[in-house]
C-alpha atoms as a PDB file:
ATOM      1  CA  MET A   1     -47.436  28.357  44.806  1.00  0.00           C
ATOM      2  CA  SER A   2     -44.486  26.454  46.159  1.00  0.00           C
ATOM      3  CA  LYS A   3     -45.669  23.184  44.479  1.00  0.00           C
ATOM      4  CA  LYS A   4     -46.024  24.875  41.111  1.00  0.00           C
ATOM      5  CA  HIS A   5     -42.521  26.310  41.514  1.00  0.00           C
ATOM      6  CA  THR A   6     -41.067  23.024  42.347  1.00  0.00           C
ATOM      7  CA  SER A   7     -42.746  21.353  39.344  1.00  0.00           C
ATOM      8  CA  GLY A   8     -41.374  23.887  36.924  1.00  0.00           C
ATOM      9  CA  PHE A   9     -37.868  23.668  38.373  1.00  0.00           C
ATOM     10  CA  ARG A  10     -37.935  19.723  38.065  1.00  0.00           C
ATOM     11  CA  ARG A  11     -39.299  20.017  34.335  1.00  0.00           C
ATOM     12  CA  GLY A  12     -36.605  22.472  33.518  1.00  0.00           C
ATOM     13  CA  ALA A  13     -33.850  20.111  34.910  1.00  0.00           C
ATOM     14  CA  ARG A  14     -35.207  17.271  32.976  1.00  0.00           C
ATOM     15  CA  ILE A  15     -35.146  19.252  29.768  1.00  0.00           C
ATOM     16  CA  GLY A  16     -31.558  20.470  30.549  1.00  0.00           C
ATOM     17  CA  GLY A  17     -30.558  16.938  31.356  1.00  0.00           C
ATOM     18  CA  VAL A  18     -31.905  15.696  28.027  1.00  0.00           C
ATOM     19  CA  ALA A  19     -30.144  18.626  26.173  1.00  0.00           C
ATOM     20  CA  ALA A  20     -26.850  17.834  27.919  1.00  0.00           C
ATOM     21  CA  ALA A  21     -27.208  13.938  27.132  1.00  0.00           C
ATOM     22  CA  ALA A  22     -27.861  14.779  23.377  1.00  0.00           C
ATOM     23  CA  ALA A  23     -24.874  17.119  23.307  1.00  0.00           C
ATOM     24  CA  ILE A  24     -22.574  14.403  24.748  1.00  0.00           C
ATOM     25  CA  THR A  25     -24.065  11.672  22.334  1.00  0.00           C
ATOM     26  CA  MET A  26     -23.464  14.110  19.476  1.00  0.00           C
ATOM     27  CA  GLY A  27     -19.805  14.703  20.709  1.00  0.00           C
ATOM     28  CA  PHE A  28     -19.177  10.937  20.838  1.00  0.00           C
ATOM     29  CA  LEU A  29     -20.687  10.575  17.285  1.00  0.00           C
ATOM     30  CA  SER A  30     -18.497  13.428  15.867  1.00  0.00           C
ATOM     31  CA  ALA A  31     -15.476  11.966  17.409  1.00  0.00           C
ATOM     32  CA  GLY A  32     -16.363   8.507  15.803  1.00  0.00           C
ATOM     33  CA  VAL A  33     -16.845  10.085  12.344  1.00  0.00           C
ATOM     34  CA  ALA A  34     -13.663  11.877  12.386  1.00  0.00           C
ATOM     35  CA  SER A  35     -11.729   8.870  13.416  1.00  0.00           C
ATOM     36  CA  ALA A  36     -13.578   6.246  11.199  1.00  0.00           C
ATOM     37  CA  ASP A  37     -11.664   3.928   9.015  1.00  0.00           C
ATOM     38  CA  THR A  38     -12.334   3.939   5.209  1.00  0.00           C
ATOM     39  CA  PHE A  39     -12.247   0.667   3.315  1.00  0.00           C
ATOM     40  CA  VAL A  40     -11.370   0.959  -0.367  1.00  0.00           C
ATOM     41  CA  PRO A  41     -11.992  -1.989  -2.625  1.00  0.00           C
ATOM     42  CA  LEU A  42      -9.722  -1.914  -5.736  1.00  0.00           C
ATOM     43  CA  PRO A  43      -9.872  -3.447  -9.184  1.00  0.00           C
ATOM     44  CA  ASP A  44      -8.414  -6.502 -10.680  1.00  0.00           C
ATOM     45  CA  GLY A  45      -5.580  -6.085 -13.254  1.00  0.00           C
ATOM     46  CA  GLU A  46      -3.615  -8.148 -15.587  1.00  0.00           C
ATOM     47  CA  ILE A  47      -0.798  -7.766 -18.065  1.00  0.00           C
ATOM     48  CA  VAL A  48       1.025 -10.020 -20.494  1.00  0.00           C
ATOM     49  CA  ALA A  49       4.828  -9.626 -20.975  1.00  0.00           C
ATOM     50  CA  ALA A  50       6.002  -8.046 -24.362  1.00  0.00           C
ATOM     51  CA  ASN A  51       7.697 -11.529 -25.270  1.00  0.00           C
ATOM     52  CA  GLY A  52       4.467 -13.541 -24.311  1.00  0.00           C
ATOM     53  CA  ASN A  53       6.456 -15.616 -21.686  1.00  0.00           C
ATOM     54  CA  ALA A  54       4.672 -14.220 -18.613  1.00  0.00           C
ATOM     55  CA  THR A  55       1.390 -13.128 -17.382  1.00  0.00           C
ATOM     56  CA  LEU A  56       0.809 -11.027 -14.269  1.00  0.00           C
ATOM     57  CA  LYS A  57      -2.583 -10.858 -12.387  1.00  0.00           C
ATOM     58  CA  ARG A  58      -3.502  -8.869  -9.411  1.00  0.00           C
ATOM     59  CA  THR A  59      -6.802  -9.914  -7.604  1.00  0.00           C
ATOM     60  CA  ALA A  60      -8.570  -9.184  -4.168  1.00  0.00           C
ATOM     61  CA  GLU A  61      -6.944  -5.861  -3.755  1.00  0.00           C
ATOM     62  CA  SER A  62      -8.114  -3.604  -1.095  1.00  0.00           C
ATOM     63  CA  ALA A  63      -6.849  -0.909   1.463  1.00  0.00           C
ATOM     64  CA  LEU A  64      -8.216   0.194   4.836  1.00  0.00           C
ATOM     65  CA  ILE A  65      -7.211   3.743   5.566  1.00  0.00           C
ATOM     66  CA  SER A  66      -6.898   4.863   9.145  1.00  0.00           C
ATOM     67  CA  PRO A  67      -5.744   8.226  10.792  1.00  0.00           C
ATOM     68  CA  SER A  68      -2.515   8.108  12.370  1.00  0.00           C
ATOM     69  CA  LEU A  69      -2.563   7.576  16.329  1.00  0.00           C
ATOM     70  CA  ALA A  70      -0.350  10.606  16.441  1.00  0.00           C
ATOM     71  CA  ALA A  71      -3.251  12.881  15.274  1.00  0.00           C
ATOM     72  CA  ASN A  72      -1.116  15.434  13.885  1.00  0.00           C
ATOM     73  CA  GLY A  73      -2.460  15.624  10.491  1.00  0.00           C
ATOM     74  CA  ALA A  74       0.603  14.617   8.853  1.00  0.00           C
ATOM     75  CA  GLY A  75       0.374  10.894   9.398  1.00  0.00           C
ATOM     76  CA  ARG A  76      -2.062   8.105   8.281  1.00  0.00           C
ATOM     77  CA  VAL A  77      -1.964   4.352   7.946  1.00  0.00           C
ATOM     78  CA  ALA A  78      -2.932   2.061   5.140  1.00  0.00           C
ATOM     79  CA  TRP A  79      -3.591  -1.718   5.619  1.00  0.00           C
ATOM     80  CA  VAL A  80      -3.260  -3.219   2.162  1.00  0.00           C
ATOM     81  CA  SER A  81      -4.215  -6.733   0.953  1.00  0.00           C
ATOM     82  CA  GLY A  82      -4.012  -8.445  -2.351  1.00  0.00           C
ATOM     83  CA  THR A  83      -3.020 -11.465  -4.436  1.00  0.00           C
ATOM     84  CA  ILE A  84      -0.554 -11.581  -7.135  1.00  0.00           C
ATOM     85  CA  THR A  85      -0.196 -14.395  -9.617  1.00  0.00           C
ATOM     86  CA  ALA A  86       2.676 -14.768 -12.168  1.00  0.00           C
ATOM     87  CA  ASP A  87       2.402 -17.397 -14.785  1.00  0.00           C
ATOM     88  CA  VAL A  88       5.826 -17.949 -16.285  1.00  0.00           C
ATOM     89  CA  LYS A  89       7.145 -20.012 -19.047  1.00  0.00           C
ATOM     90  CA  GLY A  90      10.337 -20.169 -21.282  1.00  0.00           C
ATOM     91  CA  LEU A  91      12.844 -19.577 -18.619  1.00  0.00           C
ATOM     92  CA  PRO A  92      16.397 -20.720 -19.444  1.00  0.00           C
ATOM     93  CA  ALA A  93      18.047 -23.483 -17.429  1.00  0.00           C
ATOM     94  CA  ASN A  94      20.562 -23.023 -14.650  1.00  0.00           C
ATOM     95  CA  LEU A  95      19.404 -19.605 -13.679  1.00  0.00           C
ATOM     96  CA  GLU A  96      21.391 -19.236 -10.656  1.00  0.00           C
ATOM     97  CA  ALA A  97      24.516 -19.112 -12.884  1.00  0.00           C
ATOM     98  CA  THR A  98      23.059 -16.897 -15.496  1.00  0.00           C
ATOM     99  CA  PRO A  99      24.844 -13.613 -16.069  1.00  0.00           C
ATOM    100  CA  THR A 100      22.828 -10.414 -15.811  1.00  0.00           C
ATOM    101  CA  ASN A 101      22.928  -7.300 -17.997  1.00  0.00           C
ATOM    102  CA  GLY A 102      23.362  -3.862 -16.962  1.00  0.00           C
ATOM    103  CA  GLY A 103      23.972  -4.251 -13.271  1.00  0.00           C
ATOM    104  CA  ILE A 104      20.511  -5.631 -12.713  1.00  0.00           C
ATOM    105  CA  SER A 105      21.802  -7.993 -10.047  1.00  0.00           C
ATOM    106  CA  SER A 106      22.614  -5.138  -7.647  1.00  0.00           C
ATOM    107  CA  ALA A 107      20.691  -5.181  -4.257  1.00  0.00           C
ATOM    108  CA  LYS A 108      18.461  -2.190  -5.349  1.00  0.00           C
ATOM    109  CA  GLY A 109      16.984  -2.210  -8.705  1.00  0.00           C
ATOM    110  CA  THR A 110      14.465   0.055 -10.263  1.00  0.00           C
ATOM    111  CA  GLU A 111      10.907   0.517  -9.059  1.00  0.00           C
ATOM    112  CA  GLY A 112      11.795  -0.924  -5.673  1.00  0.00           C
ATOM    113  CA  THR A 113      12.864  -4.282  -6.981  1.00  0.00           C
ATOM    114  CA  SER A 114      16.046  -6.231  -6.425  1.00  0.00           C
ATOM    115  CA  THR A 115      17.486  -9.460  -7.860  1.00  0.00           C
ATOM    116  CA  ASN A 116      20.275 -11.843  -6.986  1.00  0.00           C
ATOM    117  CA  GLY A 117      20.971 -13.317 -10.554  1.00  0.00           C
ATOM    118  CA  VAL A 118      17.595 -15.130 -10.912  1.00  0.00           C
ATOM    119  CA  PRO A 119      14.237 -13.697 -12.040  1.00  0.00           C
ATOM    120  CA  ARG A 120      12.336 -12.064  -9.220  1.00  0.00           C
ATOM    121  CA  LEU A 121       8.608 -11.137  -8.634  1.00  0.00           C
ATOM    122  CA  THR A 122       8.273  -8.218  -6.553  1.00  0.00           C
ATOM    123  CA  THR A 123       5.135  -6.333  -5.444  1.00  0.00           C
ATOM    124  CA  GLY A 124       4.561  -3.295  -3.351  1.00  0.00           C
ATOM    125  CA  TYR A 125       3.121   0.278  -3.356  1.00  0.00           C
ATOM    126  CA  ILE A 126       3.889   3.675  -4.741  1.00  0.00           C
ATOM    127  CA  VAL A 127       3.240   6.468  -2.121  1.00  0.00           C
ATOM    128  CA  GLY A 128       3.148   9.989  -3.207  1.00  0.00           C
ATOM    129  CA  CYS A 129       2.536  13.241  -1.142  1.00  0.00           C
ATOM    130  CA  GLN A 130       0.799  16.357  -2.682  1.00  0.00           C
ATOM    131  CA  MET A 131       1.500  14.801  -6.086  1.00  0.00           C
ATOM    132  CA  ASP A 132      -0.624  13.118  -8.707  1.00  0.00           C
ATOM    133  CA  ILE A 133       0.748   9.571  -9.237  1.00  0.00           C
ATOM    134  CA  THR A 134      -2.171   8.518 -11.648  1.00  0.00           C
ATOM    135  CA  GLY A 135       0.009   8.233 -14.593  1.00  0.00           C
ATOM    136  CA  LEU A 136       3.251   7.549 -12.773  1.00  0.00           C
ATOM    137  CA  LYS A 137       5.261   4.939 -14.422  1.00  0.00           C
ATOM    138  CA  GLY A 138       9.083   4.221 -15.676  1.00  0.00           C
ATOM    139  CA  ASN A 139      12.223   3.338 -13.977  1.00  0.00           C
ATOM    140  CA  LEU A 140      12.041   5.592 -10.896  1.00  0.00           C
ATOM    141  CA  GLY A 141      14.760   4.656  -8.262  1.00  0.00           C
ATOM    142  CA  PHE A 142      14.269   2.884  -5.097  1.00  0.00           C
ATOM    143  CA  ASN A 143      14.150   5.616  -2.358  1.00  0.00           C
ATOM    144  CA  THR A 144      12.647   4.174   0.959  1.00  0.00           C
ATOM    145  CA  SER A 145      14.388   2.911   3.937  1.00  0.00           C
ATOM    146  CA  LEU A 146      13.580  -0.744   3.483  1.00  0.00           C
ATOM    147  CA  ASP A 147      16.178  -2.894   1.948  1.00  0.00           C
ATOM    148  CA  PRO A 148      14.362  -4.934  -0.782  1.00  0.00           C
ATOM    149  CA  SER A 149      17.136  -7.690  -0.700  1.00  0.00           C
ATOM    150  CA  LYS A 150      15.919  -8.656   2.675  1.00  0.00           C
ATOM    151  CA  LEU A 151      12.337  -9.214   1.579  1.00  0.00           C
ATOM    152  CA  GLY A 152      11.044 -12.682   1.911  1.00  0.00           C
ATOM    153  CA  GLY A 153       7.612 -14.018   3.108  1.00  0.00           C
ATOM    154  CA  GLY A 154       6.273 -10.541   3.851  1.00  0.00           C
ATOM    155  CA  LEU A 155       6.213  -7.405   5.573  1.00  0.00           C
ATOM    156  CA  SER A 156       6.365  -7.731   9.312  1.00  0.00           C
ATOM    157  CA  GLY A 157       4.972  -5.069  11.679  1.00  0.00           C
ATOM    158  CA  SER A 158       4.613  -1.586  10.505  1.00  0.00           C
ATOM    159  CA  LEU A 159       6.784   0.082   7.819  1.00  0.00           C
ATOM    160  CA  SER A 160       6.998   3.838   8.370  1.00  0.00           C
ATOM    161  CA  VAL A 161       7.486   5.881   5.326  1.00  0.00           C
ATOM    162  CA  PRO A 162       8.566   9.460   6.016  1.00  0.00           C
ATOM    163  CA  ILE A 163       7.454  11.560   2.846  1.00  0.00           C
ATOM    164  CA  ALA A 164       7.534  15.165   2.159  1.00  0.00           C
ATOM    165  CA  ALA A 165       5.441  17.231  -0.290  1.00  0.00           C
ATOM    166  CA  GLY A 166       6.257  16.482  -3.774  1.00  0.00           C
ATOM    167  CA  GLN A 167       8.033  13.151  -3.144  1.00  0.00           C
ATOM    168  CA  VAL A 168       7.212   9.682  -4.392  1.00  0.00           C
ATOM    169  CA  LYS A 169       8.629   6.493  -2.679  1.00  0.00           C
ATOM    170  CA  PHE A 170       8.359   2.861  -3.677  1.00  0.00           C
ATOM    171  CA  VAL A 171       7.365   0.591  -0.717  1.00  0.00           C
ATOM    172  CA  PRO A 172       8.099  -3.145  -1.469  1.00  0.00           C
ATOM    173  CA  VAL A 173       5.897  -5.559   0.465  1.00  0.00           C
ATOM    174  CA  GLN A 174       6.693  -8.950  -0.825  1.00  0.00           C
ATOM    175  CA  ALA A 175       9.356 -10.571  -3.212  1.00  0.00           C
ATOM    176  CA  LYS A 176       9.799 -14.051  -4.547  1.00  0.00           C
ATOM    177  CA  ASP A 177      12.664 -15.763  -6.573  1.00  0.00           C
ATOM    178  CA  ILE A 178      11.374 -17.518  -9.723  1.00  0.00           C
ATOM    179  CA  LYS A 179      13.897 -20.324 -10.742  1.00  0.00           C
ATOM    180  CA  LYS A 180      11.784 -22.346 -13.334  1.00  0.00           C
ATOM    181  CA  ASP A 181       8.701 -22.086 -15.180  1.00  0.00           C
ATOM    182  CA  GLY A 182       5.400 -22.409 -13.331  1.00  0.00           C
ATOM    183  CA  SER A 183       2.803 -20.397 -11.465  1.00  0.00           C
ATOM    184  CA  TYR A 184       3.810 -18.270  -8.460  1.00  0.00           C
ATOM    185  CA  THR A 185       1.590 -16.361  -6.030  1.00  0.00           C
ATOM    186  CA  ILE A 186       2.149 -13.699  -3.541  1.00  0.00           C
ATOM    187  CA  ASP A 187      -0.523 -13.083  -1.067  1.00  0.00           C
ATOM    188  CA  TYR A 188      -0.466 -10.664   1.557  1.00  0.00           C
ATOM    189  CA  GLN A 189      -3.037  -9.373   4.144  1.00  0.00           C
ATOM    190  CA  ASP A 190      -3.329  -6.236   6.074  1.00  0.00           C
ATOM    191  CA  ALA A 191       0.222  -5.223   5.437  1.00  0.00           C
ATOM    192  CA  GLN A 192       0.749  -1.939   7.356  1.00  0.00           C
ATOM    193  CA  ILE A 193       2.107   1.082   5.664  1.00  0.00           C
ATOM    194  CA  GLU A 194       2.402   4.068   7.923  1.00  0.00           C
ATOM    195  CA  VAL A 195       2.901   7.440   6.125  1.00  0.00           C
ATOM    196  CA  GLN A 196       4.496  10.228   8.267  1.00  0.00           C
ATOM    197  CA  GLY A 197       5.492  13.792   7.435  1.00  0.00           C
ATOM    198  CA  CYS A 198       3.016  14.309   4.777  1.00  0.00           C
ATOM    199  CA  GLY A 199       1.128  17.533   5.731  1.00  0.00           C
ATOM    200  CA  GLY A 200      -0.929  17.478   2.318  1.00  0.00           C
ATOM    201  CA  MET A 201      -2.871  14.901   0.538  1.00  0.00           C
ATOM    202  CA  ALA A 202      -1.266  11.385   0.121  1.00  0.00           C
ATOM    203  CA  GLN A 203      -1.878   8.910  -2.704  1.00  0.00           C
ATOM    204  CA  ALA A 204      -0.865   5.270  -3.233  1.00  0.00           C
ATOM    205  CA  ARG A 205      -0.999   2.684  -6.005  1.00  0.00           C
ATOM    206  CA  SER A 206       0.107  -0.827  -6.139  1.00  0.00           C
ATOM    207  CA  TYR A 207       2.891  -2.061  -8.511  1.00  0.00           C
ATOM    208  CA  THR A 208       4.105  -5.621  -9.299  1.00  0.00           C
ATOM    209  CA  VAL A 209       7.380  -6.147 -11.312  1.00  0.00           C
ATOM    210  CA  LEU A 210       8.654  -9.426 -12.924  1.00  0.00           C
ATOM    211  CA  GLU A 211      12.164  -8.967 -13.668  1.00  0.00           C
ATOM    212  CA  VAL A 212      13.842 -11.803 -15.727  1.00  0.00           C
ATOM    213  CA  THR A 213      17.611 -11.663 -15.747  1.00  0.00           C
ATOM    214  CA  GLY A 214      19.908 -13.124 -18.235  1.00  0.00           C
ATOM    215  CA  ASP A 215      20.793 -12.510 -21.893  1.00  0.00           C
ATOM    216  CA  ASN A 216      17.190 -12.019 -22.729  1.00  0.00           C
ATOM    217  CA  TYR A 217      16.623  -9.553 -19.949  1.00  0.00           C
ATOM    218  CA  SER A 218      12.912  -8.298 -19.644  1.00  0.00           C
ATOM    219  CA  LYS A 219      10.847  -6.516 -17.067  1.00  0.00           C
ATOM    220  CA  THR A 220       6.994  -6.475 -17.004  1.00  0.00           C
ATOM    221  CA  THR A 221       5.205  -3.963 -14.604  1.00  0.00           C
ATOM    222  CA  LEU A 222       1.562  -4.207 -13.481  1.00  0.00           C
ATOM    223  CA  TYR A 223       0.188  -1.061 -11.752  1.00  0.00           C
ATOM    224  CA  GLY A 224      -3.066  -0.809  -9.713  1.00  0.00           C
ATOM    225  CA  GLN A 225      -5.553   1.873  -9.420  1.00  0.00           C
ATOM    226  CA  PRO A 226      -4.531   4.910  -7.426  1.00  0.00           C
ATOM    227  CA  PHE A 227      -6.298   5.657  -4.226  1.00  0.00           C
ATOM    228  CA  SER A 228      -6.200   8.304  -1.554  1.00  0.00           C
ATOM    229  CA  ILE A 229      -4.667   7.753   1.903  1.00  0.00           C
ATOM    230  CA  GLY A 230      -6.280  10.939   2.967  1.00  0.00           C
END
């Protein structure tokens, strides 16, 4: 009787141990799923300027969405990548001395752009909280903390974007002056945009602006496909 009792006890312990191990494994799997990154491939795009003097192309765009390390439900991170190409022709000579129209040469222009008297290629992302930005276009003002006049080779480190429900912000990633005809490329890899303070759903979409200053002022904007940041 003692032997049978011991055997049953051991068998019960083994079953209990297997169940406990399974429960622990499921717990790890659940945590892994909850904190998993999401890769979002995005389509290419192209637009030709109204005057035919420039073509903007966007290729190899993607986003990797991660939950915020703060784990407070109001923050998340997007690691964005892409390649922008601008083919420009017909620019006037002596661009550095060319006057601008309508105050376009101010440090902060529309849609997160800036110029210093010469044409400028700027690319970045529109970020919205609890707001559908699918059809969002037009001359919205620059309203994030990063000064676009300081943009150069790329975004260094993490750019934190505090944003409340119903808000939209333009987040410039890179910019380049264009002083003569030719082909210009902006390439960025894993630029980090950290969204904070958005307690609801957040969306983002890329934008690229070619702003040509001078008497024949023009602006061409290429938008990307919107994607969810969670």
